[in-house]
Amino acid sequence: MGREAGWFKKGQDARRKPGPGRARGAKDRVLRSEKASLLKVLGTIEECHAKDIEAGLLAGIRAKPPVSFPYLQVILAYRVGKPVQRVQVVDPQPIELHIHTDPTADDGE
C-alpha cells in the first residue's frame, strides 16, 4: 500500500514527532523538573521513615558478603560522595615550539 498524498506535511518526518520526554540535544538526560520533583519526594520519604531506612541499611550491611556490597556502596556514596575521576600527568615531556615571524628567515642551521 502506498502513502496517501498529504499524509505528512512538508518538512515533517515520522521519526521526529514532538512529544513528552527529553528534547533532542538537551543539556541534561533527566529533565531538571523531573529531578527536582524526585528529590522532593525522596526527601519527604527520608524525613518520615528515617528510622526504617537506617534499620534496613544496617541489616543489609550485616548480611553475608555478596548481599552486603550494594548496601556498603550506598553508605559510602551518601557519606563520602562519589570519587571524582581525574587523569593526573606525572612528568610531562617538554614541548618545543618554533615560531617563525619571517618566512624568509633562516632557522640558524
PDB file of N, CA and C in Angstrom:
ATOM      1  N   MET A   1       0.834  -1.181   0.000  1.00  0.00           N
ATOM      2  CA  MET A   1       0.000   0.000   0.000  1.00  0.00           C
ATOM      3  C   MET A   1       0.882   1.249   0.000  1.00  0.00           C
ATOM      4  N   GLY A   2       0.592   2.153  -0.829  1.00  0.00           N
ATOM      5  CA  GLY A   2       1.361   3.391  -0.902  1.00  0.00           C
ATOM      6  C   GLY A   2       0.826   4.430   0.065  1.00  0.00           C
ATOM      7  N   ARG A   3       1.634   5.414   0.268  1.00  0.00           N
ATOM      8  CA  ARG A   3       1.207   6.511   1.135  1.00  0.00           C
ATOM      9  C   ARG A   3       0.232   7.407   0.378  1.00  0.00           C
ATOM     10  N   GLU A   4      -0.725   7.886   1.151  1.00  0.00           N
ATOM     11  CA  GLU A   4      -1.675   8.812   0.546  1.00  0.00           C
ATOM     12  C   GLU A   4      -1.030  10.185   0.437  1.00  0.00           C
ATOM     13  N   ALA A   5      -1.424  10.928  -0.556  1.00  0.00           N
ATOM     14  CA  ALA A   5      -0.888  12.280  -0.720  1.00  0.00           C
ATOM     15  C   ALA A   5      -1.352  13.139   0.458  1.00  0.00           C
ATOM     16  N   GLY A   6      -0.411  13.899   1.009  1.00  0.00           N
ATOM     17  CA  GLY A   6      -0.765  14.768   2.122  1.00  0.00           C
ATOM     18  C   GLY A   6      -0.703  14.087   3.470  1.00  0.00           C
ATOM     19  N   TRP A   7      -0.124  12.897   3.501  1.00  0.00           N
ATOM     20  CA  TRP A   7      -0.033  12.168   4.773  1.00  0.00           C
ATOM     21  C   TRP A   7       0.851  12.922   5.755  1.00  0.00           C
ATOM     22  N   PHE A   8       1.995  13.420   5.272  1.00  0.00           N
ATOM     23  CA  PHE A   8       2.882  14.275   6.064  1.00  0.00           C
ATOM     24  C   PHE A   8       2.926  15.645   5.417  1.00  0.00           C
ATOM     25  N   LYS A   9       3.031  16.645   6.267  1.00  0.00           N
ATOM     26  CA  LYS A   9       3.225  17.983   5.742  1.00  0.00           C
ATOM     27  C   LYS A   9       4.687  18.129   5.329  1.00  0.00           C
ATOM     28  N   LYS A  10       4.957  19.119   4.516  1.00  0.00           N
ATOM     29  CA  LYS A  10       6.319  19.336   4.045  1.00  0.00           C
ATOM     30  C   LYS A  10       7.219  19.661   5.243  1.00  0.00           C
ATOM     31  N   GLY A  11       8.352  18.954   5.350  1.00  0.00           N
ATOM     32  CA  GLY A  11       9.293  19.179   6.439  1.00  0.00           C
ATOM     33  C   GLY A  11       9.056  18.291   7.645  1.00  0.00           C
ATOM     34  N   GLN A  12       7.967  17.522   7.634  1.00  0.00           N
ATOM     35  CA  GLN A  12       7.701  16.625   8.753  1.00  0.00           C
ATOM     36  C   GLN A  12       8.282  15.248   8.476  1.00  0.00           C
ATOM     37  N   ASP A  13       8.596  14.546   9.541  1.00  0.00           N
ATOM     38  CA  ASP A  13       9.127  13.200   9.428  1.00  0.00           C
ATOM     39  C   ASP A  13       8.473  12.356  10.518  1.00  0.00           C
ATOM     40  N   ALA A  14       8.202  11.117  10.227  1.00  0.00           N
ATOM     41  CA  ALA A  14       7.525  10.251  11.190  1.00  0.00           C
ATOM     42  C   ALA A  14       8.378   9.994  12.420  1.00  0.00           C
ATOM     43  N   ARG A  15       9.691  10.044  12.286  1.00  0.00           N
ATOM     44  CA  ARG A  15      10.575   9.754  13.409  1.00  0.00           C
ATOM     45  C   ARG A  15      10.767  10.946  14.333  1.00  0.00           C
ATOM     46  N   ARG A  16      10.388  12.122  13.924  1.00  0.00           N
ATOM     47  CA  ARG A  16      10.662  13.324  14.717  1.00  0.00           C
ATOM     48  C   ARG A  16       9.373  13.969  15.206  1.00  0.00           C
ATOM     49  N   LYS A  17       8.502  13.204  15.798  1.00  0.00           N
ATOM     50  CA  LYS A  17       7.271  13.770  16.342  1.00  0.00           C
ATOM     51  C   LYS A  17       7.578  14.423  17.678  1.00  0.00           C
ATOM     52  N   PRO A  18       7.176  15.661  17.868  1.00  0.00           N
ATOM     53  CA  PRO A  18       7.382  16.266  19.179  1.00  0.00           C
ATOM     54  C   PRO A  18       6.470  15.605  20.206  1.00  0.00           C
ATOM     55  N   GLY A  19       6.971  15.433  21.392  1.00  0.00           N
ATOM     56  CA  GLY A  19       6.170  14.794  22.420  1.00  0.00           C
ATOM     57  C   GLY A  19       6.847  14.905  23.765  1.00  0.00           C
ATOM     58  N   PRO A  20       6.348  14.164  24.718  1.00  0.00           N
ATOM     59  CA  PRO A  20       6.942  14.239  26.050  1.00  0.00           C
ATOM     60  C   PRO A  20       8.326  13.610  26.070  1.00  0.00           C
ATOM     61  N   GLY A  21       9.099  13.987  27.042  1.00  0.00           N
ATOM     62  CA  GLY A  21      10.429  13.419  27.176  1.00  0.00           C
ATOM     63  C   GLY A  21      11.502  14.436  26.868  1.00  0.00           C
ATOM     64  N   ARG A  22      12.700  13.958  26.847  1.00  0.00           N
ATOM     65  CA  ARG A  22      13.859  14.820  26.641  1.00  0.00           C
ATOM     66  C   ARG A  22      13.953  15.238  25.192  1.00  0.00           C
ATOM     67  N   ALA A  23      14.114  16.517  24.976  1.00  0.00           N
ATOM     68  CA  ALA A  23      14.262  17.024  23.614  1.00  0.00           C
ATOM     69  C   ALA A  23      15.624  16.641  23.069  1.00  0.00           C
ATOM     70  N   ARG A  24      15.705  16.491  21.771  1.00  0.00           N
ATOM     71  CA  ARG A  24      16.959  16.143  21.137  1.00  0.00           C
ATOM     72  C   ARG A  24      17.974  17.251  21.361  1.00  0.00           C
ATOM     73  N   GLY A  25      19.180  16.886  21.792  1.00  0.00           N
ATOM     74  CA  GLY A  25      20.217  17.871  22.032  1.00  0.00           C
ATOM     75  C   GLY A  25      20.072  18.596  23.358  1.00  0.00           C
ATOM     76  N   ALA A  26      19.209  18.096  24.234  1.00  0.00           N
ATOM     77  CA  ALA A  26      19.030  18.735  25.540  1.00  0.00           C
ATOM     78  C   ALA A  26      20.290  18.579  26.379  1.00  0.00           C
ATOM     79  N   LYS A  27      20.501  19.527  27.283  1.00  0.00           N
ATOM     80  CA  LYS A  27      21.722  19.538  28.088  1.00  0.00           C
ATOM     81  C   LYS A  27      21.744  18.380  29.079  1.00  0.00           C
ATOM     82  N   ASP A  28      20.617  18.078  29.698  1.00  0.00           N
ATOM     83  CA  ASP A  28      20.543  17.042  30.725  1.00  0.00           C
ATOM     84  C   ASP A  28      19.782  15.829  30.205  1.00  0.00           C
ATOM     85  N   ARG A  29      20.196  14.654  30.636  1.00  0.00           N
ATOM     86  CA  ARG A  29      19.472  13.442  30.244  1.00  0.00           C
ATOM     87  C   ARG A  29      18.152  13.341  30.980  1.00  0.00           C
ATOM     88  N   VAL A  30      18.177  13.703  32.263  1.00  0.00           N
ATOM     89  CA  VAL A  30      16.948  13.723  33.051  1.00  0.00           C
ATOM     90  C   VAL A  30      16.540  15.185  33.169  1.00  0.00           C
ATOM     91  N   LEU A  31      15.280  15.464  32.861  1.00  0.00           N
ATOM     92  CA  LEU A  31      14.824  16.839  32.926  1.00  0.00           C
ATOM     93  C   LEU A  31      14.989  17.385  34.330  1.00  0.00           C
ATOM     94  N   ARG A  32      15.352  18.642  34.429  1.00  0.00           N
ATOM     95  CA  ARG A  32      15.596  19.245  35.737  1.00  0.00           C
ATOM     96  C   ARG A  32      14.339  19.265  36.586  1.00  0.00           C
ATOM     97  N   SER A  33      13.183  19.469  35.967  1.00  0.00           N
ATOM     98  CA  SER A  33      11.934  19.480  36.728  1.00  0.00           C
ATOM     99  C   SER A  33      11.628  18.095  37.292  1.00  0.00           C
ATOM    100  N   GLU A  34      11.892  17.040  36.502  1.00  0.00           N
ATOM    101  CA  GLU A  34      11.673  15.674  36.990  1.00  0.00           C
ATOM    102  C   GLU A  34      12.637  15.346  38.126  1.00  0.00           C
ATOM    103  N   LYS A  35      13.880  15.772  37.981  1.00  0.00           N
ATOM    104  CA  LYS A  35      14.884  15.511  39.008  1.00  0.00           C
ATOM    105  C   LYS A  35      14.515  16.231  40.308  1.00  0.00           C
ATOM    106  N   ALA A  36      14.059  17.477  40.207  1.00  0.00           N
ATOM    107  CA  ALA A  36      13.670  18.243  41.391  1.00  0.00           C
ATOM    108  C   ALA A  36      12.480  17.611  42.091  1.00  0.00           C
ATOM    109  N   SER A  37      11.480  17.149  41.328  1.00  0.00           N
ATOM    110  CA  SER A  37      10.312  16.526  41.958  1.00  0.00           C
ATOM    111  C   SER A  37      10.682  15.196  42.594  1.00  0.00           C
ATOM    112  N   LEU A  38      11.577  14.435  41.968  1.00  0.00           N
ATOM    113  CA  LEU A  38      12.019  13.168  42.543  1.00  0.00           C
ATOM    114  C   LEU A  38      12.779  13.399  43.850  1.00  0.00           C
ATOM    115  N   LEU A  39      13.668  14.405  43.871  1.00  0.00           N
ATOM    116  CA  LEU A  39      14.411  14.712  45.089  1.00  0.00           C
ATOM    117  C   LEU A  39      13.475  15.182  46.199  1.00  0.00           C
ATOM    118  N   LYS A  40      12.426  15.898  45.843  1.00  0.00           N
ATOM    119  CA  LYS A  40      11.450  16.353  46.839  1.00  0.00           C
ATOM    120  C   LYS A  40      10.716  15.166  47.453  1.00  0.00           C
ATOM    121  N   VAL A  41      10.288  14.217  46.620  1.00  0.00           N
ATOM    122  CA  VAL A  41       9.598  13.024  47.109  1.00  0.00           C
ATOM    123  C   VAL A  41      10.528  12.188  47.984  1.00  0.00           C
ATOM    124  N   LEU A  42      11.770  11.992  47.530  1.00  0.00           N
ATOM    125  CA  LEU A  42      12.728  11.213  48.318  1.00  0.00           C
ATOM    126  C   LEU A  42      13.051  11.901  49.645  1.00  0.00           C
ATOM    127  N   GLY A  43      13.111  13.223  49.641  1.00  0.00           N
ATOM    128  CA  GLY A  43      13.350  13.961  50.877  1.00  0.00           C
ATOM    129  C   GLY A  43      12.217  13.784  51.867  1.00  0.00           C
ATOM    130  N   THR A  44      10.982  13.773  51.367  1.00  0.00           N
ATOM    131  CA  THR A  44       9.830  13.557  52.234  1.00  0.00           C
ATOM    132  C   THR A  44       9.847  12.151  52.821  1.00  0.00           C
ATOM    133  N   ILE A  45      10.171  11.168  52.000  1.00  0.00           N
ATOM    134  CA  ILE A  45      10.251   9.784  52.488  1.00  0.00           C
ATOM    135  C   ILE A  45      11.353   9.660  53.525  1.00  0.00           C
ATOM    136  N   GLU A  46      12.488  10.312  53.272  1.00  0.00           N
ATOM    137  CA  GLU A  46      13.607  10.244  54.219  1.00  0.00           C
ATOM    138  C   GLU A  46      13.233  10.865  55.564  1.00  0.00           C
ATOM    139  N   GLU A  47      12.489  11.973  55.537  1.00  0.00           N
ATOM    140  CA  GLU A  47      12.076  12.608  56.789  1.00  0.00           C
ATOM    141  C   GLU A  47      11.102  11.735  57.572  1.00  0.00           C
ATOM    142  N   CYS A  48      10.154  11.130  56.876  1.00  0.00           N
ATOM    143  CA  CYS A  48       9.098  10.357  57.558  1.00  0.00           C
ATOM    144  C   CYS A  48       9.578   8.986  58.014  1.00  0.00           C
ATOM    145  N   HIS A  49      10.483   8.362  57.297  1.00  0.00           N
ATOM    146  CA  HIS A  49      10.873   6.977  57.572  1.00  0.00           C
ATOM    147  C   HIS A  49      12.373   6.828  57.815  1.00  0.00           C
ATOM    148  N   ALA A  50      12.982   7.775  58.497  1.00  0.00           N
ATOM    149  CA  ALA A  50      14.432   7.759  58.716  1.00  0.00           C
ATOM    150  C   ALA A  50      14.865   6.524  59.499  1.00  0.00           C
ATOM    151  N   LYS A  51      14.119   6.161  60.521  1.00  0.00           N
ATOM    152  CA  LYS A  51      14.483   5.001  61.358  1.00  0.00           C
ATOM    153  C   LYS A  51      14.377   3.702  60.568  1.00  0.00           C
ATOM    154  N   ASP A  52      13.343   3.579  59.738  1.00  0.00           N
ATOM    155  CA  ASP A  52      13.173   2.371  58.924  1.00  0.00           C
ATOM    156  C   ASP A  52      14.295   2.236  57.887  1.00  0.00           C
ATOM    157  N   ILE A  53      14.663   3.360  57.285  1.00  0.00           N
ATOM    158  CA  ILE A  53      15.744   3.344  56.293  1.00  0.00           C
ATOM    159  C   ILE A  53      17.058   2.956  56.957  1.00  0.00           C
ATOM    160  N   GLU A  54      17.323   3.531  58.117  1.00  0.00           N
ATOM    161  CA  GLU A  54      18.549   3.214  58.843  1.00  0.00           C
ATOM    162  C   GLU A  54      18.592   1.741  59.232  1.00  0.00           C
ATOM    163  N   ALA A  55      17.463   1.204  59.711  1.00  0.00           N
ATOM    164  CA  ALA A  55      17.409  -0.210  60.096  1.00  0.00           C
ATOM    165  C   ALA A  55      17.636  -1.119  58.885  1.00  0.00           C
ATOM    166  N   GLY A  56      17.064  -0.757  57.732  1.00  0.00           N
ATOM    167  CA  GLY A  56      17.246  -1.548  56.517  1.00  0.00           C
ATOM    168  C   GLY A  56      18.683  -1.535  56.026  1.00  0.00           C
ATOM    169  N   LEU A  57      19.319  -0.365  56.081  1.00  0.00           N
ATOM    170  CA  LEU A  57      20.721  -0.284  55.660  1.00  0.00           C
ATOM    171  C   LEU A  57      21.628  -1.076  56.597  1.00  0.00           C
ATOM    172  N   LEU A  58      21.374  -0.977  57.890  1.00  0.00           N
ATOM    173  CA  LEU A  58      22.195  -1.736  58.842  1.00  0.00           C
ATOM    174  C   LEU A  58      22.010  -3.240  58.666  1.00  0.00           C
ATOM    175  N   ALA A  59      20.786  -3.666  58.400  1.00  0.00           N
ATOM    176  CA  ALA A  59      20.541  -5.091  58.160  1.00  0.00           C
ATOM    177  C   ALA A  59      21.255  -5.546  56.880  1.00  0.00           C
ATOM    178  N   GLY A  60      21.266  -4.700  55.854  1.00  0.00           N
ATOM    179  CA  GLY A  60      21.953  -5.037  54.607  1.00  0.00           C
ATOM    180  C   GLY A  60      23.457  -5.121  54.788  1.00  0.00           C
ATOM    181  N   ILE A  61      24.020  -4.233  55.605  1.00  0.00           N
ATOM    182  CA  ILE A  61      25.461  -4.259  55.864  1.00  0.00           C
ATOM    183  C   ILE A  61      25.847  -5.514  56.638  1.00  0.00           C
ATOM    184  N   ARG A  62      24.987  -5.939  57.539  1.00  0.00           N
ATOM    185  CA  ARG A  62      25.277  -7.124  58.366  1.00  0.00           C
ATOM    186  C   ARG A  62      25.046  -8.433  57.620  1.00  0.00           C
ATOM    187  N   ALA A  63      24.516  -8.374  56.397  1.00  0.00           N
ATOM    188  CA  ALA A  63      24.265  -9.588  55.622  1.00  0.00           C
ATOM    189  C   ALA A  63      25.582 -10.181  55.143  1.00  0.00           C
ATOM    190  N   LYS A  64      25.503 -11.349  54.542  1.00  0.00           N
ATOM    191  CA  LYS A  64      26.692 -12.021  54.016  1.00  0.00           C
ATOM    192  C   LYS A  64      27.270 -11.227  52.838  1.00  0.00           C
ATOM    193  N   PRO A  65      28.556 -11.437  52.515  1.00  0.00           N
ATOM    194  CA  PRO A  65      29.263 -10.593  51.540  1.00  0.00           C
ATOM    195  C   PRO A  65      28.603 -10.317  50.186  1.00  0.00           C
ATOM    196  N   PRO A  66      28.068 -11.254  49.461  1.00  0.00           N
ATOM    197  CA  PRO A  66      27.542 -10.820  48.164  1.00  0.00           C
ATOM    198  C   PRO A  66      26.348  -9.872  48.294  1.00  0.00           C
ATOM    199  N   VAL A  67      25.589 -10.011  49.369  1.00  0.00           N
ATOM    200  CA  VAL A  67      24.396  -9.186  49.552  1.00  0.00           C
ATOM    201  C   VAL A  67      24.769  -7.828  50.142  1.00  0.00           C
ATOM    202  N   SER A  68      25.785  -7.772  50.973  1.00  0.00           N
ATOM    203  CA  SER A  68      26.106  -6.543  51.699  1.00  0.00           C
ATOM    204  C   SER A  68      26.810  -5.489  50.840  1.00  0.00           C
ATOM    205  N   PHE A  69      27.410  -5.878  49.726  1.00  0.00           N
ATOM    206  CA  PHE A  69      28.194  -4.935  48.924  1.00  0.00           C
ATOM    207  C   PHE A  69      27.387  -3.737  48.426  1.00  0.00           C
ATOM    208  N   PRO A  70      26.191  -3.916  47.848  1.00  0.00           N
ATOM    209  CA  PRO A  70      25.438  -2.728  47.403  1.00  0.00           C
ATOM    210  C   PRO A  70      25.070  -1.789  48.553  1.00  0.00           C
ATOM    211  N   TYR A  71      24.819  -2.339  49.727  1.00  0.00           N
ATOM    212  CA  TYR A  71      24.487  -1.505  50.882  1.00  0.00           C
ATOM    213  C   TYR A  71      25.703  -0.682  51.307  1.00  0.00           C
ATOM    214  N   LEU A  72      26.884  -1.281  51.237  1.00  0.00           N
ATOM    215  CA  LEU A  72      28.097  -0.541  51.549  1.00  0.00           C
ATOM    216  C   LEU A  72      28.335   0.575  50.527  1.00  0.00           C
ATOM    217  N   GLN A  73      28.039   0.307  49.273  1.00  0.00           N
ATOM    218  CA  GLN A  73      28.178   1.336  48.245  1.00  0.00           C
ATOM    219  C   GLN A  73      27.242   2.513  48.510  1.00  0.00           C
ATOM    220  N   VAL A  74      26.016   2.208  48.928  1.00  0.00           N
ATOM    221  CA  VAL A  74      25.055   3.273  49.223  1.00  0.00           C
ATOM    222  C   VAL A  74      25.555   4.126  50.380  1.00  0.00           C
ATOM    223  N   ILE A  75      26.029   3.462  51.439  1.00  0.00           N
ATOM    224  CA  ILE A  75      26.515   4.196  52.610  1.00  0.00           C
ATOM    225  C   ILE A  75      27.715   5.071  52.233  1.00  0.00           C
ATOM    226  N   LEU A  76      28.663   4.517  51.485  1.00  0.00           N
ATOM    227  CA  LEU A  76      29.843   5.289  51.101  1.00  0.00           C
ATOM    228  C   LEU A  76      29.490   6.461  50.183  1.00  0.00           C
ATOM    229  N   ALA A  77      28.578   6.238  49.242  1.00  0.00           N
ATOM    230  CA  ALA A  77      28.174   7.320  48.345  1.00  0.00           C
ATOM    231  C   ALA A  77      27.443   8.412  49.118  1.00  0.00           C
ATOM    232  N   TYR A  78      26.700   8.036  50.143  1.00  0.00           N
ATOM    233  CA  TYR A  78      25.949   9.015  50.923  1.00  0.00           C
ATOM    234  C   TYR A  78      26.867   9.791  51.859  1.00  0.00           C
ATOM    235  N   ARG A  79      27.778   9.094  52.502  1.00  0.00           N
ATOM    236  CA  ARG A  79      28.642   9.740  53.496  1.00  0.00           C
ATOM    237  C   ARG A  79      29.848  10.447  52.864  1.00  0.00           C
ATOM    238  N   VAL A  80      30.508   9.794  51.928  1.00  0.00           N
ATOM    239  CA  VAL A  80      31.745  10.322  51.358  1.00  0.00           C
ATOM    240  C   VAL A  80      31.487  11.049  50.044  1.00  0.00           C
ATOM    241  N   GLY A  81      30.593  10.541  49.256  1.00  0.00           N
ATOM    242  CA  GLY A  81      30.344  11.087  47.929  1.00  0.00           C
ATOM    243  C   GLY A  81      31.073  10.254  46.892  1.00  0.00           C
ATOM    244  N   LYS A  82      30.645  10.375  45.657  1.00  0.00           N
ATOM    245  CA  LYS A  82      31.302   9.624  44.586  1.00  0.00           C
ATOM    246  C   LYS A  82      32.693  10.195  44.344  1.00  0.00           C
ATOM    247  N   PRO A  83      33.677   9.325  44.098  1.00  0.00           N
ATOM    248  CA  PRO A  83      35.020   9.848  43.820  1.00  0.00           C
ATOM    249  C   PRO A  83      35.069  10.504  42.442  1.00  0.00           C
ATOM    250  N   VAL A  84      35.805  11.584  42.352  1.00  0.00           N
ATOM    251  CA  VAL A  84      35.973  12.280  41.083  1.00  0.00           C
ATOM    252  C   VAL A  84      37.094  11.595  40.312  1.00  0.00           C
ATOM    253  N   GLN A  85      36.812  11.242  39.079  1.00  0.00           N
ATOM    254  CA  GLN A  85      37.819  10.583  38.265  1.00  0.00           C
ATOM    255  C   GLN A  85      38.647  11.644  37.549  1.00  0.00           C
ATOM    256  N   ARG A  86      39.930  11.660  37.842  1.00  0.00           N
ATOM    257  CA  ARG A  86      40.830  12.629  37.230  1.00  0.00           C
ATOM    258  C   ARG A  86      42.035  11.900  36.646  1.00  0.00           C
ATOM    259  N   VAL A  87      42.523  12.419  35.560  1.00  0.00           N
ATOM    260  CA  VAL A  87      43.756  11.905  34.970  1.00  0.00           C
ATOM    261  C   VAL A  87      44.871  12.832  35.426  1.00  0.00           C
ATOM    262  N   GLN A  88      45.869  12.266  36.074  1.00  0.00           N
ATOM    263  CA  GLN A  88      46.951  13.070  36.596  1.00  0.00           C
ATOM    264  C   GLN A  88      48.210  12.809  35.767  1.00  0.00           C
ATOM    265  N   VAL A  89      48.805  13.870  35.240  1.00  0.00           N
ATOM    266  CA  VAL A  89      50.025  13.764  34.462  1.00  0.00           C
ATOM    267  C   VAL A  89      51.188  13.882  35.434  1.00  0.00           C
ATOM    268  N   VAL A  90      52.022  12.835  35.498  1.00  0.00           N
ATOM    269  CA  VAL A  90      53.102  12.800  36.474  1.00  0.00           C
ATOM    270  C   VAL A  90      54.297  13.630  36.010  1.00  0.00           C
ATOM    271  N   ASP A  91      54.846  13.313  34.869  1.00  0.00           N
ATOM    272  CA  ASP A  91      56.035  14.004  34.380  1.00  0.00           C
ATOM    273  C   ASP A  91      55.849  14.288  32.888  1.00  0.00           C
ATOM    274  N   PRO A  92      55.284  15.445  32.539  1.00  0.00           N
ATOM    275  CA  PRO A  92      55.043  15.710  31.122  1.00  0.00           C
ATOM    276  C   PRO A  92      56.338  15.990  30.370  1.00  0.00           C
ATOM    277  N   GLN A  93      56.375  15.622  29.125  1.00  0.00           N
ATOM    278  CA  GLN A  93      57.519  15.890  28.259  1.00  0.00           C
ATOM    279  C   GLN A  93      57.457  17.348  27.811  1.00  0.00           C
ATOM    280  N   PRO A  94      58.601  18.046  27.767  1.00  0.00           N
ATOM    281  CA  PRO A  94      58.577  19.440  27.303  1.00  0.00           C
ATOM    282  C   PRO A  94      58.248  19.503  25.810  1.00  0.00           C
ATOM    283  N   ILE A  95      57.541  20.519  25.456  1.00  0.00           N
ATOM    284  CA  ILE A  95      57.144  20.716  24.068  1.00  0.00           C
ATOM    285  C   ILE A  95      57.964  21.868  23.508  1.00  0.00           C
ATOM    286  N   GLU A  96      58.610  21.654  22.381  1.00  0.00           N
ATOM    287  CA  GLU A  96      59.394  22.700  21.741  1.00  0.00           C
ATOM    288  C   GLU A  96      58.549  23.356  20.663  1.00  0.00           C
ATOM    289  N   LEU A  97      58.447  24.661  20.762  1.00  0.00           N
ATOM    290  CA  LEU A  97      57.690  25.416  19.776  1.00  0.00           C
ATOM    291  C   LEU A  97      58.641  26.285  18.975  1.00  0.00           C
ATOM    292  N   HIS A  98      58.502  26.265  17.674  1.00  0.00           N
ATOM    293  CA  HIS A  98      59.306  27.110  16.784  1.00  0.00           C
ATOM    294  C   HIS A  98      58.336  28.032  16.064  1.00  0.00           C
ATOM    295  N   ILE A  99      58.402  29.300  16.426  1.00  0.00           N
ATOM    296  CA  ILE A  99      57.505  30.277  15.820  1.00  0.00           C
ATOM    297  C   ILE A  99      58.316  31.130  14.850  1.00  0.00           C
ATOM    298  N   HIS A 100      57.902  31.133  13.615  1.00  0.00           N
ATOM    299  CA  HIS A 100      58.584  31.904  12.578  1.00  0.00           C
ATOM    300  C   HIS A 100      57.738  33.128  12.262  1.00  0.00           C
ATOM    301  N   THR A 101      58.303  34.274  12.462  1.00  0.00           N
ATOM    302  CA  THR A 101      57.593  35.517  12.107  1.00  0.00           C
ATOM    303  C   THR A 101      57.902  35.936  10.690  1.00  0.00           C
ATOM    304  N   ASP A 102      59.133  35.634  10.232  1.00  0.00           N
ATOM    305  CA  ASP A 102      59.539  35.997   8.868  1.00  0.00           C
ATOM    306  C   ASP A 102      59.731  34.702   8.092  1.00  0.00           C
ATOM    307  N   PRO A 103      58.924  34.451   7.084  1.00  0.00           N
ATOM    308  CA  PRO A 103      59.056  33.186   6.345  1.00  0.00           C
ATOM    309  C   PRO A 103      60.365  33.056   5.566  1.00  0.00           C
ATOM    310  N   THR A 104      61.058  34.171   5.304  1.00  0.00           N
ATOM    311  CA  THR A 104      62.304  34.085   4.549  1.00  0.00           C
ATOM    312  C   THR A 104      63.528  33.941   5.458  1.00  0.00           C
ATOM    313  N   ALA A 105      63.343  34.071   6.771  1.00  0.00           N
ATOM    314  CA  ALA A 105      64.469  33.993   7.702  1.00  0.00           C
ATOM    315  C   ALA A 105      64.944  32.554   7.825  1.00  0.00           C
ATOM    316  N   ASP A 106      66.242  32.394   8.134  1.00  0.00           N
ATOM    317  CA  ASP A 106      66.866  31.090   8.285  1.00  0.00           C
ATOM    318  C   ASP A 106      66.686  30.597   9.711  1.00  0.00           C
ATOM    319  N   ASP A 107      66.552  29.270   9.918  1.00  0.00           N
ATOM    320  CA  ASP A 107      66.409  28.689  11.247  1.00  0.00           C
ATOM    321  C   ASP A 107      67.690  28.769  12.060  1.00  0.00           C
ATOM    322  N   GLY A 108      68.789  29.032  11.458  1.00  0.00           N
ATOM    323  CA  GLY A 108      70.069  29.061  12.145  1.00  0.00           C
ATOM    324  C   GLY A 108      70.833  27.774  11.932  1.00  0.00           C
ATOM    325  N   GLU A 109      70.330  26.931  11.097  1.00  0.00           N
ATOM    326  CA  GLU A 109      71.004  25.650  10.820  1.00  0.00           C
ATOM    327  C   GLU A 109      71.864  25.768   9.593  1.00  0.00           C
TER     328      GLU A 109
END
